[in-house]
């Protein structure tokens, strides 16, 4: 796929991206290289290739879901400014 400098300038304008005039040719060349790489990737035959969730087939080790601390709700609520029925009371901010 070929891309022209005036197309890049138009896309930059639509995207509200400022490209300095002296950098426009370099940006156009870089985008052309990226599009060439995409064309190469699309040309690869992937028939019969099963999609992978993880290329390393790695499994994350998980810790046991167990309580490791004691319940300190009463201690924390004892120092709170306002508590009712085990809930913290806060000032109303939305009317």
N, C-alpha and C. Protein backbone atom coordinates (compact mmCIF):
# COMPACT_ATOMS: atom_id res chain seq x y z
N UNK A 1 0.84 -1.17 0.00
CA UNK A 1 0.00 0.00 0.00
C UNK A 1 0.89 1.24 0.00
N UNK A 2 0.62 2.15 -0.87
CA UNK A 2 1.40 3.37 -0.92
C UNK A 2 0.63 4.50 -0.26
N UNK A 3 1.38 5.37 0.36
CA UNK A 3 0.79 6.51 1.02
C UNK A 3 1.56 7.75 0.58
N UNK A 4 0.83 8.82 0.35
CA UNK A 4 1.44 10.05 -0.14
C UNK A 4 1.49 11.08 0.98
N UNK A 5 2.41 12.00 0.84
CA UNK A 5 2.61 13.01 1.87
C UNK A 5 1.36 13.87 2.07
N UNK A 6 0.65 14.20 1.00
CA UNK A 6 -0.55 15.01 1.17
C UNK A 6 -1.65 14.26 1.92
N UNK A 7 -1.69 12.92 1.77
CA UNK A 7 -2.64 12.11 2.53
C UNK A 7 -2.31 12.13 4.02
N UNK A 8 -1.03 12.03 4.33
CA UNK A 8 -0.60 12.08 5.73
C UNK A 8 -0.93 13.44 6.33
N UNK A 9 -0.71 14.50 5.57
CA UNK A 9 -1.02 15.84 6.07
C UNK A 9 -2.52 16.00 6.31
N UNK A 10 -3.35 15.42 5.44
CA UNK A 10 -4.80 15.50 5.62
C UNK A 10 -5.25 14.70 6.85
N UNK A 11 -4.68 13.50 7.02
CA UNK A 11 -5.00 12.67 8.19
C UNK A 11 -4.57 13.38 9.46
N UNK A 12 -3.38 13.99 9.44
CA UNK A 12 -2.89 14.73 10.61
C UNK A 12 -3.82 15.89 10.95
N UNK A 13 -4.32 16.56 9.92
CA UNK A 13 -5.25 17.67 10.15
C UNK A 13 -6.55 17.16 10.77
N UNK A 14 -7.08 16.07 10.24
CA UNK A 14 -8.32 15.51 10.78
C UNK A 14 -8.15 15.02 12.21
N UNK A 15 -6.97 14.48 12.51
CA UNK A 15 -6.70 13.96 13.86
C UNK A 15 -6.22 15.05 14.81
N UNK A 16 -6.10 16.27 14.29
CA UNK A 16 -5.60 17.39 15.08
C UNK A 16 -4.20 17.11 15.62
N UNK A 17 -3.36 16.53 14.76
CA UNK A 17 -1.96 16.25 15.10
C UNK A 17 -1.11 17.19 14.27
N UNK A 18 -0.25 17.92 14.94
CA UNK A 18 0.60 18.86 14.23
C UNK A 18 1.89 18.17 13.79
N UNK A 19 2.16 18.20 12.50
CA UNK A 19 3.40 17.67 11.95
C UNK A 19 4.14 18.84 11.32
N UNK A 20 5.36 19.07 11.78
CA UNK A 20 6.16 20.16 11.23
C UNK A 20 6.45 19.89 9.76
N UNK A 21 6.46 20.92 8.92
CA UNK A 21 6.69 20.71 7.48
C UNK A 21 8.00 19.98 7.18
N UNK A 22 9.03 20.22 7.96
CA UNK A 22 10.31 19.56 7.72
C UNK A 22 10.30 18.08 8.14
N UNK A 23 9.29 17.70 8.94
CA UNK A 23 9.19 16.30 9.38
C UNK A 23 8.17 15.50 8.58
N UNK A 24 7.43 16.15 7.71
CA UNK A 24 6.35 15.48 6.98
C UNK A 24 6.87 14.33 6.11
N UNK A 25 7.99 14.54 5.44
CA UNK A 25 8.54 13.48 4.58
C UNK A 25 8.96 12.28 5.41
N UNK A 26 9.58 12.52 6.57
CA UNK A 26 10.02 11.41 7.43
C UNK A 26 8.81 10.64 7.99
N UNK A 27 7.79 11.36 8.41
CA UNK A 27 6.58 10.71 8.93
C UNK A 27 5.92 9.87 7.84
N UNK A 28 5.86 10.40 6.64
CA UNK A 28 5.27 9.67 5.52
C UNK A 28 6.05 8.38 5.26
N UNK A 29 7.38 8.46 5.30
CA UNK A 29 8.21 7.27 5.07
C UNK A 29 8.00 6.24 6.17
N UNK A 30 7.92 6.69 7.42
CA UNK A 30 7.70 5.75 8.53
C UNK A 30 6.35 5.05 8.42
N UNK A 31 5.31 5.81 8.10
CA UNK A 31 3.99 5.21 7.97
C UNK A 31 3.95 4.25 6.79
N UNK A 32 4.64 4.59 5.71
CA UNK A 32 4.71 3.69 4.56
C UNK A 32 5.40 2.39 4.95
N UNK A 33 6.45 2.47 5.77
CA UNK A 33 7.14 1.25 6.24
C UNK A 33 6.21 0.40 7.12
N UNK A 34 5.44 1.04 7.96
CA UNK A 34 4.51 0.31 8.83
C UNK A 34 3.45 -0.39 7.98
N UNK A 35 2.91 0.32 6.99
CA UNK A 35 1.89 -0.29 6.14
C UNK A 35 2.46 -1.44 5.31
N UNK A 36 3.73 -1.34 4.91
CA UNK A 36 4.38 -2.44 4.20
C UNK A 36 4.48 -3.66 5.11
N UNK A 37 4.84 -3.45 6.37
CA UNK A 37 4.92 -4.55 7.33
C UNK A 37 3.54 -5.18 7.53
N UNK A 38 2.50 -4.38 7.62
CA UNK A 38 1.14 -4.90 7.77
C UNK A 38 0.76 -5.74 6.56
N UNK A 39 1.11 -5.28 5.37
CA UNK A 39 0.83 -6.05 4.15
C UNK A 39 1.55 -7.40 4.19
N UNK A 40 2.78 -7.42 4.68
CA UNK A 40 3.53 -8.68 4.79
C UNK A 40 2.86 -9.62 5.78
N UNK A 41 2.39 -9.08 6.90
CA UNK A 41 1.73 -9.92 7.90
C UNK A 41 0.42 -10.48 7.36
N UNK A 42 -0.31 -9.69 6.59
CA UNK A 42 -1.57 -10.15 6.04
C UNK A 42 -1.37 -11.21 4.95
N UNK A 43 -0.20 -11.24 4.35
CA UNK A 43 0.06 -12.20 3.28
C UNK A 43 0.41 -13.59 3.82
N UNK A 44 0.66 -13.72 5.11
CA UNK A 44 1.03 -15.00 5.70
C UNK A 44 -0.18 -15.93 5.73
N UNK A 45 0.03 -17.18 5.33
CA UNK A 45 -1.03 -18.17 5.34
C UNK A 45 -1.22 -18.69 6.76
N UNK A 46 -2.36 -18.42 7.35
CA UNK A 46 -2.64 -18.85 8.73
C UNK A 46 -3.73 -19.90 8.79
N UNK A 47 -4.05 -20.52 7.69
CA UNK A 47 -5.05 -21.58 7.71
C UNK A 47 -4.56 -22.74 8.55
N UNK A 48 -5.40 -23.23 9.43
CA UNK A 48 -5.06 -24.36 10.26
C UNK A 48 -4.26 -24.00 11.50
N UNK A 49 -4.01 -22.72 11.72
CA UNK A 49 -3.26 -22.29 12.91
C UNK A 49 -4.27 -21.91 13.98
N UNK A 50 -4.18 -22.56 15.12
CA UNK A 50 -5.12 -22.31 16.21
C UNK A 50 -4.70 -21.05 16.98
N UNK A 51 -5.62 -20.14 17.25
CA UNK A 51 -5.28 -18.94 18.01
C UNK A 51 -4.81 -19.29 19.41
N UNK A 52 -3.89 -18.48 19.93
CA UNK A 52 -3.36 -18.71 21.27
C UNK A 52 -3.71 -17.55 22.18
N UNK A 53 -4.03 -17.85 23.42
CA UNK A 53 -4.26 -16.81 24.41
C UNK A 53 -2.93 -16.31 24.95
N UNK A 54 -1.94 -17.19 25.03
CA UNK A 54 -0.63 -16.85 25.54
C UNK A 54 0.40 -17.62 24.74
N UNK A 55 1.35 -16.96 24.09
CA UNK A 55 2.31 -17.68 23.26
C UNK A 55 3.25 -18.58 24.05
N UNK A 56 3.35 -18.41 25.35
CA UNK A 56 4.25 -19.21 26.17
C UNK A 56 3.54 -20.34 26.89
N UNK A 57 2.22 -20.44 26.73
CA UNK A 57 1.43 -21.42 27.46
C UNK A 57 1.71 -21.35 28.95
N UNK A 58 1.92 -20.13 29.44
CA UNK A 58 2.22 -19.92 30.84
C UNK A 58 0.93 -19.93 31.66
N UNK A 59 1.02 -20.38 32.88
CA UNK A 59 -0.11 -20.41 33.79
C UNK A 59 0.28 -19.57 35.01
N UNK A 60 -0.57 -18.67 35.37
CA UNK A 60 -0.29 -17.82 36.51
C UNK A 60 -0.55 -18.58 37.81
N UNK A 61 0.43 -18.55 38.67
CA UNK A 61 0.25 -19.20 39.97
C UNK A 61 -0.59 -18.29 40.85
N UNK A 62 -1.63 -18.84 41.43
CA UNK A 62 -2.52 -18.07 42.28
C UNK A 62 -2.39 -18.54 43.72
N UNK A 63 -2.51 -17.60 44.63
CA UNK A 63 -2.47 -17.96 46.04
C UNK A 63 -3.85 -18.43 46.47
N UNK A 64 -3.90 -19.12 47.55
CA UNK A 64 -5.18 -19.59 48.08
C UNK A 64 -6.00 -18.39 48.54
N UNK A 65 -7.30 -18.45 48.31
CA UNK A 65 -8.20 -17.38 48.72
C UNK A 65 -8.60 -17.62 50.17
N UNK A 66 -7.73 -17.19 51.07
CA UNK A 66 -7.97 -17.43 52.49
C UNK A 66 -7.81 -16.13 53.26
N UNK A 67 -8.59 -15.96 54.32
CA UNK A 67 -8.49 -14.78 55.18
C UNK A 67 -7.19 -14.87 55.96
N UNK A 68 -6.40 -13.78 55.90
CA UNK A 68 -5.10 -13.79 56.59
C UNK A 68 -5.04 -12.77 57.71
N UNK A 69 -6.08 -11.93 57.86
CA UNK A 69 -6.10 -10.92 58.92
C UNK A 69 -7.40 -11.01 59.69
N UNK A 70 -7.35 -10.54 60.91
CA UNK A 70 -8.56 -10.56 61.72
C UNK A 70 -9.44 -9.35 61.36
N UNK A 71 -10.74 -9.46 61.64
CA UNK A 71 -11.68 -8.39 61.37
C UNK A 71 -11.48 -7.29 62.39
N UNK A 72 -11.13 -6.08 61.93
CA UNK A 72 -10.89 -4.94 62.82
C UNK A 72 -11.89 -3.81 62.57
N UNK A 73 -13.07 -4.15 62.08
CA UNK A 73 -14.05 -3.12 61.74
C UNK A 73 -14.39 -2.25 62.94
N UNK A 74 -14.63 -2.84 64.09
CA UNK A 74 -15.00 -2.06 65.27
C UNK A 74 -13.89 -1.09 65.66
N UNK A 75 -12.66 -1.52 65.58
CA UNK A 75 -11.53 -0.65 65.93
C UNK A 75 -11.43 0.53 64.97
N UNK A 76 -11.62 0.27 63.69
CA UNK A 76 -11.54 1.34 62.70
C UNK A 76 -12.73 2.28 62.81
N UNK A 77 -13.92 1.74 63.05
CA UNK A 77 -15.09 2.59 63.15
C UNK A 77 -15.13 3.37 64.46
N UNK A 78 -14.40 2.92 65.43
CA UNK A 78 -14.35 3.65 66.70
C UNK A 78 -13.70 5.02 66.53
N UNK A 79 -12.81 5.15 65.59
CA UNK A 79 -12.13 6.44 65.38
C UNK A 79 -12.75 7.24 64.24
N UNK A 80 -13.80 6.70 63.60
CA UNK A 80 -14.45 7.40 62.49
C UNK A 80 -15.35 8.50 63.04
N UNK A 81 -15.51 9.62 62.30
CA UNK A 81 -16.35 10.71 62.78
C UNK A 81 -17.82 10.34 62.91
N UNK A 82 -18.36 9.52 61.99
CA UNK A 82 -19.78 9.18 62.04
C UNK A 82 -19.99 7.77 61.49
N UNK A 83 -20.66 6.94 62.30
CA UNK A 83 -20.93 5.55 61.92
C UNK A 83 -22.35 5.22 62.35
N UNK A 84 -23.03 4.42 61.50
CA UNK A 84 -24.37 3.98 61.86
C UNK A 84 -24.59 2.59 61.28
N UNK A 85 -25.00 1.64 62.12
CA UNK A 85 -25.26 0.26 61.70
C UNK A 85 -24.08 -0.36 60.95
N UNK A 86 -22.87 -0.08 61.39
CA UNK A 86 -21.69 -0.66 60.77
C UNK A 86 -21.27 0.00 59.48
N UNK A 87 -21.89 1.14 59.14
CA UNK A 87 -21.55 1.85 57.91
C UNK A 87 -20.97 3.22 58.24
N UNK A 88 -20.02 3.68 57.44
CA UNK A 88 -19.46 5.02 57.60
C UNK A 88 -20.44 6.03 57.00
N UNK A 89 -20.73 7.10 57.73
CA UNK A 89 -21.59 8.15 57.25
C UNK A 89 -20.71 9.30 56.73
N UNK A 90 -21.04 9.76 55.53
CA UNK A 90 -20.27 10.84 54.91
C UNK A 90 -21.23 11.95 54.52
N UNK A 91 -20.71 13.17 54.35
CA UNK A 91 -21.59 14.27 53.95
C UNK A 91 -22.15 14.04 52.54
N UNK A 92 -23.37 14.51 52.34
CA UNK A 92 -24.02 14.38 51.04
C UNK A 92 -23.33 15.34 50.07
N UNK A 93 -22.91 14.84 48.90
CA UNK A 93 -22.24 15.69 47.94
C UNK A 93 -23.06 15.90 46.67
N UNK A 94 -24.08 15.10 46.45
CA UNK A 94 -24.94 15.21 45.27
C UNK A 94 -26.36 15.44 45.75
N UNK A 95 -27.00 16.43 45.20
CA UNK A 95 -28.39 16.71 45.62
C UNK A 95 -29.36 16.11 44.65
